[in-house]
Protein backbone atom coordinates (compact mmCIF):
# COMPACT_ATOMS: atom_id res chain seq x y z
CA MET A 1 0.00 0.00 0.00
CA LYS A 2 1.42 3.34 -1.03
CA VAL A 3 1.06 6.21 1.43
CA LYS A 4 0.08 9.57 -0.01
CA ARG A 5 2.07 12.60 1.02
CA ASP A 6 0.21 15.45 2.63
CA PRO A 7 1.50 18.72 1.14
CA GLN A 8 -0.48 20.61 3.77
CA LEU A 9 1.74 19.10 6.46
CA SER A 10 4.84 20.79 4.99
CA LYS A 11 2.95 24.06 4.66
CA ASP A 12 1.66 23.87 8.25
CA PHE A 13 5.14 23.05 9.57
CA GLY A 14 6.59 25.99 7.65
CA GLU A 15 3.95 28.41 8.86
CA THR A 16 4.50 27.30 12.45
CA LEU A 17 8.26 27.60 12.05
CA ARG A 18 7.88 31.16 10.74
CA GLU A 19 5.45 32.12 13.53
CA LEU A 20 7.74 30.77 16.26
CA ARG A 21 10.81 32.37 14.70
CA ASN A 22 9.05 35.73 14.45
CA GLU A 23 7.70 35.49 18.02
CA GLN A 24 11.30 35.17 19.20
CA LYS A 25 12.40 37.98 16.88
CA LEU A 26 14.93 35.72 15.16
CA SER A 27 15.98 36.35 11.58
CA GLN A 28 16.14 33.66 8.93
CA GLU A 29 19.87 34.40 8.77
CA TYR A 30 20.31 33.69 12.48
CA VAL A 31 18.34 30.45 12.33
CA ALA A 32 20.23 29.37 9.20
CA ASN A 33 23.56 30.10 10.87
CA MET A 34 22.57 28.06 13.93
CA LEU A 35 21.43 25.19 11.68
CA GLY A 36 24.50 25.36 9.46
CA THR A 37 22.44 26.04 6.35
CA SER A 38 21.48 29.01 4.18
CA PRO A 39 18.77 31.59 4.79
CA SER A 40 17.19 30.55 1.49
CA GLN A 41 16.84 26.98 2.82
CA VAL A 42 15.09 28.31 5.93
CA GLY A 43 12.79 30.26 3.61
CA ARG A 44 12.00 27.12 1.62
CA LEU A 45 11.16 25.30 4.86
CA GLU A 46 8.89 28.15 5.95
CA ARG A 47 7.07 28.16 2.62
CA GLY A 48 6.60 24.38 2.75
CA GLU A 49 8.63 23.90 -0.42
CA THR A 50 10.92 21.35 1.20
CA ASN A 51 10.63 18.85 4.01
CA PRO A 52 13.08 18.88 6.91
CA THR A 53 14.91 15.73 7.88
CA LEU A 54 14.46 14.47 11.42
CA ALA A 55 17.94 15.77 12.21
CA THR A 56 17.01 19.22 10.90
CA MET A 57 13.76 19.19 12.86
CA GLY A 58 15.67 18.33 16.02
CA ALA A 59 18.09 21.18 15.38
CA ILE A 60 15.19 23.60 14.73
CA PHE A 61 13.61 22.60 18.03
CA GLY A 62 16.93 23.29 19.75
CA VAL A 63 17.37 26.70 18.12
CA LEU A 64 13.81 27.76 18.96
CA GLY A 65 13.84 26.12 22.39
CA ILE A 66 10.66 24.17 21.75
CA SER A 67 9.66 20.53 21.84
CA LEU A 68 8.05 18.38 19.19
CA GLY A 69 5.00 18.24 21.44
CA LYS A 70 4.62 22.01 21.33
CA LEU A 71 4.85 22.01 17.57
CA LEU A 72 2.21 19.30 17.30
CA ARG A 73 -0.09 21.08 19.73
CA LEU A 74 0.25 24.26 17.68
CA ARG A 75 -0.58 22.32 14.53
CA ASN A 76 -3.61 20.74 16.19
CA ASN A 77 -4.82 24.15 17.36
CA THR A 78 -4.42 25.48 13.82
CA ASN A 79 -6.38 22.56 12.42
CA ASP A 80 -9.10 23.03 15.05
CA ASN A 81 -9.51 26.63 13.92
CA ARG A 82 -10.05 25.54 10.32
CA THR A 83 -13.08 23.42 11.06
């Protein structure tokens, strides 16, 4: 059985990443530097154009000082508001 990808998941992750980064007043350049990547890659993540690896997600959580649980709760709250 082939599993379908959910493009909305990447978009939701990116939107949440941008919101959390902006709440902490962090630039894409700062986050990129902390992740060892480019600001354009952070932008692609925020726009949902690319999917982060688990290692990248772990690093993002470290930079933003959040847990996976917080990210999932934020996503659930966003989904609840759509219904």
